[in-house]
Amino acid sequence: MILRLIAESVLSLYPSAWRQRYGEEVADLVASRPVRVRTVLDLIGGAADAWLHHRRIPGRRPFHVPATAVLCAMGITLALLWNPGVRDLRNLHRVWAEAAGAAETAGATGTLTHTLQGMATSLFVTAGLMATLVVVMIALAASSAMGSLGQGLVTRVTARRVVWTAAFVAVPIALLGYVSFAQAFAGAVFPVGPLGDAMAGGFFVPSILALSLPVFMAAAEVPSLASEVRTGARVLAVAAIVTALAWLPVATLMLLGMAQASWPFVTAVTASALVSVCMAALAARLALRQGRTARVRLTAA
C-alpha cells in the first residue's frame, strides 16, 4: 500500500507535457499491477530521463521568458551596478591617473586619455539621440496619419494610440537623455571624474532604446507606418552597435589603469558593459521583429 502511494507520488514528478500524454496510461498500469521497490526505482529513473529529454516530448510547450521581463531585469541590473561601478570614486580616480601615466610612459601625449573619454561619451550620446529621433519620426508620421481623411477610421484610431504612446514614453526618454548628455559633457549630474563620465552613458542609453519599443509595437499595427517602423528599427540596430562601440574606449582606459583597479571594481564595470550591450542588442532585435511584422501587415493590407 505504501509503495503504491509512493509510486503514484513519483508520477507527479514527471514533466507536465509527459503527464498529459502518458500520465493516465501509466497510472492505470501502476494501479493494475503489484508495486515493488523496483517499480518505484524504475519510475524515479523514468522521471529523470523524461526531464533530461523533455524537449523531445510530443506536444511540449517550450518555456518562454517574455522579452520585456528580460529588458526590465537588465535595466534593474544596470541600476544595481551603478554604485560599485560609476560611483566608486576611489577606483575611478586611481584608474584614470594610472591610465594617464601609462599613456605618457608609452610616449603618447597627455590628451590620449581625454580623447578616449570624448570618444566614449560622444558615441553614447549619439546612440541615445538616434533612439530619441526614431520615436519622434514615428510619432510625427502617426500624427500625419491620424489627421488624414484618406485613412480609415481604424487606422486613425490606431495612429492616435501611437501618438499617445510616444507622448507617454517621451518623459522618461527625455529625462534619461538629459542626464546622459549633462553627465557626458559636463559631469554636472554626478561628480564622478573623467572615467565615470566616459562610462555613465552606457547605463542610460540601453534604457532609452528599450523605452522606444512600445512605440514600435503600437506603430506596427498601422500598415501605413510600415516604412517608418522598418527604417526606425534599422536605426535602432545601428544605435545598439554604437552603444557596443562606445564601451571600447572605456575598456582601453580600464586596461591602461588596470594596475590600480580593484577586482570588485573591474568585475562591476565588466558586468555593466556586458549587460549594457546585451540590453541594447535585445531592444534592437525586438524593434527589427516589429519591422518585419509591419511589413507583413502592409502586404496583407
Protein backbone atom coordinates (compact mmCIF):
# COMPACT_ATOMS: atom_id res chain seq x y z
CA MET A 1 0.00 0.00 0.00
CA ILE A 2 2.79 2.40 0.96
CA LEU A 3 4.80 1.56 -2.17
CA ARG A 4 1.74 2.17 -4.33
CA LEU A 5 1.25 5.62 -2.77
CA ILE A 6 4.94 6.39 -3.33
CA ALA A 7 4.68 5.26 -6.96
CA GLU A 8 1.66 7.48 -7.55
CA SER A 9 3.51 10.40 -5.98
CA VAL A 10 6.52 9.81 -8.24
CA LEU A 11 4.26 10.23 -11.27
CA SER A 12 3.71 13.86 -10.26
CA LEU A 13 7.44 14.44 -10.70
CA TYR A 14 7.27 13.91 -14.46
CA PRO A 15 7.11 16.95 -16.81
CA SER A 16 3.59 18.26 -17.37
CA ALA A 17 3.72 17.54 -21.11
CA TRP A 18 4.65 13.92 -20.34
CA ARG A 19 1.83 13.60 -17.80
CA GLN A 20 -0.71 15.00 -20.25
CA ARG A 21 0.31 12.50 -22.91
CA TYR A 22 1.19 9.36 -20.92
CA GLY A 23 0.08 10.04 -17.33
CA GLU A 24 -3.31 8.27 -17.31
CA GLU A 25 -1.95 5.23 -19.11
CA VAL A 26 0.97 4.77 -16.70
CA ALA A 27 -1.24 5.49 -13.67
CA ASP A 28 -3.66 2.74 -14.78
CA LEU A 29 -0.73 0.41 -15.29
CA VAL A 30 0.58 1.10 -11.77
CA ALA A 31 -2.89 0.61 -10.29
CA SER A 32 -3.44 -2.74 -12.03
CA ARG A 33 -0.17 -4.42 -11.05
CA PRO A 34 1.69 -5.17 -7.83
CA VAL A 35 4.06 -2.35 -6.87
CA ARG A 36 7.54 -3.33 -5.71
CA VAL A 37 10.65 -1.36 -4.79
CA ARG A 38 11.99 -1.93 -8.30
CA THR A 39 8.79 -0.40 -9.72
CA VAL A 40 9.34 2.78 -7.69
CA LEU A 41 13.00 2.93 -8.73
CA ASP A 42 12.06 2.49 -12.39
CA LEU A 43 9.54 5.31 -12.11
CA ILE A 44 12.12 7.59 -10.50
CA GLY A 45 14.61 6.78 -13.24
CA GLY A 46 11.93 7.39 -15.84
CA ALA A 47 11.17 10.81 -14.33
CA ALA A 48 14.84 11.79 -14.51
CA ASP A 49 15.07 10.59 -18.11
CA ALA A 50 11.88 12.46 -19.02
CA TRP A 51 13.33 15.73 -17.71
CA LEU A 52 16.65 15.16 -19.45
CA HIS A 53 14.86 14.59 -22.76
CA HIS A 54 11.76 16.71 -22.17
CA ARG A 55 12.40 18.68 -25.36
CA ARG A 56 11.52 15.56 -27.33
CA ILE A 57 8.14 15.05 -25.68
CA PRO A 58 5.38 15.49 -28.29
CA GLY A 59 3.14 18.43 -27.56
CA ARG A 60 5.58 20.03 -25.15
CA ARG A 61 5.30 23.79 -24.97
CA PRO A 62 8.70 25.48 -24.85
CA PHE A 63 9.48 27.58 -21.79
CA HIS A 64 9.40 31.19 -22.87
CA VAL A 65 10.52 34.21 -20.85
CA PRO A 66 8.90 37.46 -22.03
CA ALA A 67 11.45 39.76 -23.60
CA THR A 68 10.01 42.73 -21.72
CA ALA A 69 10.78 40.94 -18.45
CA VAL A 70 14.36 40.36 -19.59
CA LEU A 71 14.73 44.04 -20.51
CA CYS A 72 13.36 45.10 -17.12
CA ALA A 73 15.74 42.73 -15.35
CA MET A 74 18.67 44.12 -17.32
CA GLY A 75 17.64 47.70 -16.52
CA ILE A 76 17.43 46.88 -12.82
CA THR A 77 20.82 45.15 -13.01
CA LEU A 78 22.40 48.27 -14.52
CA ALA A 79 20.89 50.35 -11.73
CA LEU A 80 22.33 47.99 -9.12
CA LEU A 81 25.74 48.10 -10.81
CA TRP A 82 25.83 51.91 -10.79
CA ASN A 83 27.29 52.29 -7.28
CA PRO A 84 30.02 49.60 -7.46
CA GLY A 85 30.91 50.86 -10.94
CA VAL A 86 30.42 54.54 -11.70
CA ARG A 87 30.14 55.76 -8.08
CA ASP A 88 33.33 54.06 -6.86
CA LEU A 89 35.26 57.35 -6.77
CA ARG A 90 38.43 55.91 -5.30
CA ASN A 91 38.92 53.36 -8.05
CA LEU A 92 37.71 55.74 -10.77
CA HIS A 93 40.35 58.35 -9.89
CA ARG A 94 43.10 55.79 -9.37
CA VAL A 95 42.45 54.07 -12.68
CA TRP A 96 42.27 57.38 -14.53
CA ALA A 97 45.55 58.61 -13.03
CA GLU A 98 47.26 55.31 -13.82
CA ALA A 99 45.91 55.36 -17.38
CA ALA A 100 47.19 58.90 -17.93
CA GLY A 101 50.60 57.92 -16.56
CA ALA A 102 50.75 54.78 -18.69
CA ALA A 103 49.88 56.80 -21.81
CA GLU A 104 52.71 59.27 -21.13
CA THR A 105 55.16 56.46 -20.39
CA ALA A 106 54.30 54.84 -23.71
CA GLY A 107 55.16 58.10 -25.48
CA ALA A 108 51.60 59.18 -26.13
CA THR A 109 50.51 62.72 -25.47
CA GLY A 110 48.65 63.64 -22.32
CA THR A 111 45.48 64.09 -24.34
CA LEU A 112 45.12 60.38 -25.18
CA THR A 113 43.02 59.59 -22.14
CA HIS A 114 40.82 62.64 -22.76
CA THR A 115 40.44 61.59 -26.39
CA LEU A 116 39.26 58.15 -25.30
CA GLN A 117 36.85 59.74 -22.86
CA GLY A 118 35.49 62.02 -25.58
CA MET A 119 35.02 59.08 -27.94
CA ALA A 120 33.03 57.11 -25.37
CA THR A 121 30.79 59.98 -24.33
CA SER A 122 30.16 61.08 -27.92
CA LEU A 123 29.21 57.58 -29.03
CA PHE A 124 26.86 57.04 -26.09
CA VAL A 125 25.14 60.38 -26.69
CA THR A 126 24.89 59.63 -30.42
CA ALA A 127 23.17 56.30 -29.72
CA GLY A 128 20.72 57.97 -27.34
CA LEU A 129 19.93 60.71 -29.85
CA MET A 130 19.33 58.14 -32.60
CA ALA A 131 16.78 56.27 -30.45
CA THR A 132 15.08 59.55 -29.49
CA LEU A 133 14.84 60.74 -33.09
CA VAL A 134 13.31 57.41 -34.10
CA VAL A 135 10.48 57.92 -31.61
CA VAL A 136 9.95 61.48 -32.88
CA MET A 137 9.92 60.29 -36.50
CA ILE A 138 7.32 57.59 -35.89
CA ALA A 139 5.20 59.94 -33.76
CA LEU A 140 5.18 62.59 -36.49
CA ALA A 141 4.21 60.02 -39.14
CA ALA A 142 1.43 58.72 -36.87
CA SER A 143 0.20 62.27 -36.26
CA SER A 144 0.00 62.81 -40.00
CA ALA A 145 -1.91 59.55 -40.49
CA MET A 146 -4.23 60.42 -37.62
CA GLY A 147 -5.32 63.64 -39.30
CA SER A 148 -5.57 62.24 -42.83
CA LEU A 149 -9.13 61.83 -44.08
CA GLY A 150 -7.85 59.33 -46.64
CA GLN A 151 -7.13 56.84 -43.87
CA GLY A 152 -9.79 54.53 -42.47
CA LEU A 153 -11.31 55.00 -39.05
CA VAL A 154 -9.41 52.04 -37.57
CA THR A 155 -6.11 53.36 -38.92
CA ARG A 156 -6.73 56.83 -37.50
CA VAL A 157 -7.65 55.42 -34.10
CA THR A 158 -4.57 53.19 -34.05
CA ALA A 159 -2.38 56.10 -35.17
CA ARG A 160 -3.77 58.13 -32.27
CA ARG A 161 -2.67 55.35 -29.92
CA VAL A 162 0.82 55.55 -31.40
CA VAL A 163 0.96 59.29 -30.71
CA TRP A 164 -0.22 58.83 -27.12
CA THR A 165 2.30 56.03 -26.60
CA ALA A 166 5.09 58.24 -27.89
CA ALA A 167 3.98 61.05 -25.58
CA PHE A 168 3.93 58.64 -22.64
CA VAL A 169 7.49 57.39 -23.17
CA ALA A 170 8.80 60.85 -24.12
CA VAL A 171 9.09 61.92 -20.46
CA PRO A 172 11.40 59.13 -19.23
CA ILE A 173 13.36 59.21 -22.50
CA ALA A 174 13.88 62.97 -22.17
CA LEU A 175 14.90 62.58 -18.53
CA LEU A 176 17.40 59.81 -19.28
CA GLY A 177 18.68 61.73 -22.29
CA TYR A 178 19.22 64.88 -20.27
CA VAL A 179 21.04 63.01 -17.51
CA SER A 180 23.22 61.18 -20.03
CA PHE A 181 24.03 64.34 -22.02
CA ALA A 182 24.72 66.51 -18.97
CA GLN A 183 26.86 63.82 -17.37
CA ALA A 184 28.80 63.01 -20.52
CA PHE A 185 29.82 66.53 -21.50
CA ALA A 186 29.68 68.48 -18.26
CA GLY A 187 29.79 65.98 -15.41
CA ALA A 188 27.07 68.16 -13.93
CA VAL A 189 24.85 65.38 -12.58
CA PHE A 190 27.23 63.09 -10.71
CA PRO A 191 30.77 64.26 -9.82
CA VAL A 192 32.50 61.02 -10.77
CA GLY A 193 35.51 62.25 -12.72
CA PRO A 194 36.50 61.69 -16.36
CA LEU A 195 36.37 57.88 -16.30
CA GLY A 196 32.95 57.89 -14.65
CA ASP A 197 31.70 60.42 -17.20
CA ALA A 198 33.00 58.20 -20.01
CA MET A 199 31.02 55.14 -18.96
CA ALA A 200 27.92 56.79 -17.49
CA GLY A 201 26.08 56.86 -20.82
CA GLY A 202 26.28 53.07 -21.00
CA PHE A 203 23.90 52.88 -18.04
CA PHE A 204 21.26 55.20 -19.57
CA VAL A 205 21.29 54.63 -23.33
CA PRO A 206 20.10 50.97 -23.29
CA SER A 207 17.06 52.07 -21.29
CA ILE A 208 16.31 54.76 -23.89
CA LEU A 209 16.41 52.08 -26.60
CA ALA A 210 14.13 49.83 -24.55
CA LEU A 211 11.65 52.64 -23.86
CA SER A 212 11.21 53.20 -27.60
CA LEU A 213 9.85 49.66 -28.09
CA PRO A 214 6.22 50.42 -27.08
CA VAL A 215 6.11 52.96 -29.90
CA PHE A 216 7.33 50.33 -32.37
CA MET A 217 4.75 47.84 -31.12
CA ALA A 218 1.91 50.33 -31.49
CA ALA A 219 3.09 51.61 -34.88
CA ALA A 220 3.49 48.09 -36.30
CA GLU A 221 -0.31 47.79 -36.21
CA VAL A 222 -0.71 50.66 -38.69
CA PRO A 223 0.04 49.45 -42.25
CA SER A 224 0.68 53.00 -43.48
CA LEU A 225 3.51 53.35 -40.93
CA ALA A 226 5.33 50.19 -42.06
CA SER A 227 8.07 52.16 -43.82
CA GLU A 228 8.77 54.30 -40.75
CA VAL A 229 8.78 51.25 -38.47
CA ARG A 230 11.27 49.38 -40.66
CA THR A 231 13.51 52.42 -41.02
CA GLY A 232 13.35 53.14 -37.30
CA ALA A 233 14.21 49.52 -36.49
CA ARG A 234 17.33 49.74 -38.64
CA VAL A 235 18.33 52.99 -36.94
CA LEU A 236 17.83 51.37 -33.53
CA ALA A 237 20.03 48.46 -34.63
CA VAL A 238 22.76 50.94 -35.56
CA ALA A 239 22.29 52.64 -32.18
CA ALA A 240 22.86 49.29 -30.48
CA ILE A 241 26.09 48.83 -32.43
CA VAL A 242 27.20 52.35 -31.49
CA THR A 243 26.49 51.53 -27.84
CA ALA A 244 28.75 48.50 -28.06
CA LEU A 245 31.48 50.52 -29.75
CA ALA A 246 31.27 53.18 -27.04
CA TRP A 247 32.42 50.66 -24.44
CA LEU A 248 35.68 50.03 -26.34
CA PRO A 249 37.35 53.33 -25.32
CA VAL A 250 36.21 52.67 -21.74
CA ALA A 251 37.78 49.21 -21.94
CA THR A 252 41.02 50.77 -23.21
CA LEU A 253 41.10 53.20 -20.28
CA MET A 254 40.46 50.33 -17.89
CA LEU A 255 43.30 48.31 -19.38
CA LEU A 256 45.71 51.23 -19.16
CA GLY A 257 44.87 51.77 -15.50
CA MET A 258 44.40 48.12 -14.54
CA ALA A 259 47.35 48.17 -12.12
CA GLN A 260 45.43 50.47 -9.77
CA ALA A 261 42.00 48.86 -10.11
CA SER A 262 40.50 46.52 -7.52
CA TRP A 263 38.98 43.28 -8.75
CA PRO A 264 35.48 44.10 -7.47
CA PHE A 265 35.60 47.36 -9.44
CA VAL A 266 36.82 45.63 -12.60
CA THR A 267 34.13 42.99 -12.20
CA ALA A 268 31.41 45.62 -11.76
CA VAL A 269 32.50 47.59 -14.83
CA THR A 270 32.83 44.44 -16.94
CA ALA A 271 29.38 43.23 -15.90
CA SER A 272 27.94 46.68 -16.61
CA ALA A 273 29.38 46.69 -20.12
CA LEU A 274 28.06 43.20 -20.89
CA VAL A 275 24.56 43.95 -19.58
CA SER A 276 24.51 47.31 -21.38
CA VAL A 277 25.48 45.82 -24.74
CA CYS A 278 23.10 42.85 -24.38
CA MET A 279 20.20 45.11 -23.38
CA ALA A 280 20.77 47.39 -26.37
CA ALA A 281 21.08 44.40 -28.70
CA LEU A 282 17.87 42.83 -27.39
CA ALA A 283 15.97 46.11 -27.81
CA ALA A 284 17.22 46.38 -31.40
CA ARG A 285 16.28 42.79 -32.13
CA LEU A 286 12.74 43.33 -30.86
CA ALA A 287 12.44 46.50 -32.92
CA LEU A 288 13.56 44.63 -36.05
CA ARG A 289 10.94 41.99 -35.29
CA GLN A 290 8.28 44.71 -35.19
CA GLY A 291 9.60 45.95 -38.52
CA ARG A 292 9.01 42.52 -40.04
CA THR A 293 5.53 42.42 -38.51
CA ALA A 294 4.73 45.80 -40.02
CA ARG A 295 5.88 44.61 -43.45
CA VAL A 296 3.66 41.52 -43.24
CA ARG A 297 0.65 43.61 -42.29
CA LEU A 298 1.35 46.03 -45.12
CA THR A 299 1.49 43.14 -47.57
CA ALA A 300 -1.76 41.68 -46.19
CA ALA A 301 -3.46 45.06 -46.46
